Protein backbone atom coordinates (compact mmCIF):
# COMPACT_ATOMS: atom_id res chain seq x y z
CA MET A 1 -10.40 -11.18 -8.90
CA GLY A 2 -10.27 -8.42 -11.28
CA ALA A 3 -8.54 -5.09 -11.07
CA GLY A 4 -9.28 -3.20 -8.01
CA GLN A 5 -11.19 -5.87 -6.22
CA SER A 6 -9.99 -7.30 -3.29
CA ARG A 7 -10.88 -10.20 -0.64
CA SER A 8 -9.69 -8.30 2.31
CA SER A 9 -12.61 -7.72 4.96
CA ASN A 10 -10.50 -4.46 6.13
CA GLN A 11 -12.44 -1.38 5.67
CA LEU A 12 -11.03 1.92 5.32
CA VAL A 13 -12.10 4.28 7.67
CA VAL A 14 -11.75 7.24 5.21
CA PRO A 15 -12.83 5.87 1.54
CA GLN A 16 -11.62 8.43 -0.03
CA ALA A 17 -7.90 7.26 0.91
CA ASN A 18 -8.50 4.23 -1.55
CA ALA A 19 -6.55 6.04 -4.28
CA ALA A 20 -3.85 7.61 -2.04
CA LEU A 21 -3.09 3.99 -0.93
CA ASP A 22 -3.03 2.53 -4.28
CA GLN A 23 -0.82 5.26 -5.48
CA LEU A 24 1.57 4.36 -2.65
CA LYS A 25 1.48 0.74 -3.56
CA TYR A 26 2.69 1.56 -7.06
CA GLU A 27 5.44 4.06 -5.50
CA VAL A 28 6.55 1.59 -3.09
CA ALA A 29 6.81 -1.10 -5.79
CA GLN A 30 8.76 1.15 -8.13
CA GLU A 31 11.15 2.01 -5.69
CA LEU A 32 11.96 -1.86 -4.91
CA GLY A 33 12.33 -2.46 -8.38
CA ILE A 34 9.22 -4.78 -8.17
CA VAL A 35 7.03 -4.64 -11.58
CA ILE A 36 3.28 -4.71 -10.72
CA PRO A 37 1.04 -6.47 -13.46
CA GLN A 38 -0.62 -3.74 -15.79
CA ASP A 39 -4.17 -5.68 -15.18
CA GLY A 40 -3.77 -5.35 -11.27
CA TYR A 41 -3.74 -9.03 -10.81
CA PHE A 42 -1.42 -10.01 -7.75
CA GLY A 43 -1.93 -13.64 -8.16
CA HIS A 44 0.68 -14.14 -10.24
CA MET A 45 3.44 -12.16 -7.85
CA ALA A 46 5.57 -14.04 -5.73
CA THR A 47 4.67 -13.99 -2.44
CA ARG A 48 7.89 -12.35 -1.13
CA ASP A 49 7.31 -9.53 -3.28
CA THR A 50 4.09 -8.69 -2.37
CA GLY A 51 4.85 -9.04 1.36
CA ALA A 52 7.82 -6.72 0.83
CA ILE A 53 5.42 -3.92 -0.80
CA GLY A 54 2.94 -4.18 2.35
CA GLY A 55 5.82 -4.10 4.93
CA HIS A 56 7.09 -0.98 3.41
CA ILE A 57 3.82 0.76 2.96
CA THR A 58 3.20 0.10 6.82
CA ARG A 59 6.51 1.23 7.60
CA ARG A 60 5.85 4.52 5.60
CA LEU A 61 2.22 4.89 7.30
CA VAL A 62 3.65 4.55 10.58
CA GLN A 63 6.32 7.30 9.96
CA ILE A 64 3.62 9.68 8.77
CA ALA A 65 1.60 8.95 11.85
CA GLU A 66 4.69 9.28 14.14
CA GLN A 67 5.49 12.83 12.59
CA SER A 68 2.12 14.11 12.44
CA LEU A 69 1.54 13.05 16.07
CA ALA A 70 5.04 14.66 16.83
CA GLY A 71 3.74 17.83 15.08
CA GLN A 72 0.68 18.14 17.50
CA PHE A 73 2.71 17.79 20.91
CA LYS A 74 4.87 20.62 19.86
């Protein structure tokens, strides 16, 4: 798989969000001190590292959604 390719069957509801999610992935990796390969291929990374990135992304997205919902009900 080359850069930007994925085997995931998940489809984004808002396709334009893909760039924002990629940016979030790099930000989280940097915060965790994980170096993402320049070619974008994650196959040589440890599962623990990629899982940590995914877990932190999920936590952050849930937090953003919670804040958004809390703002709607005030």
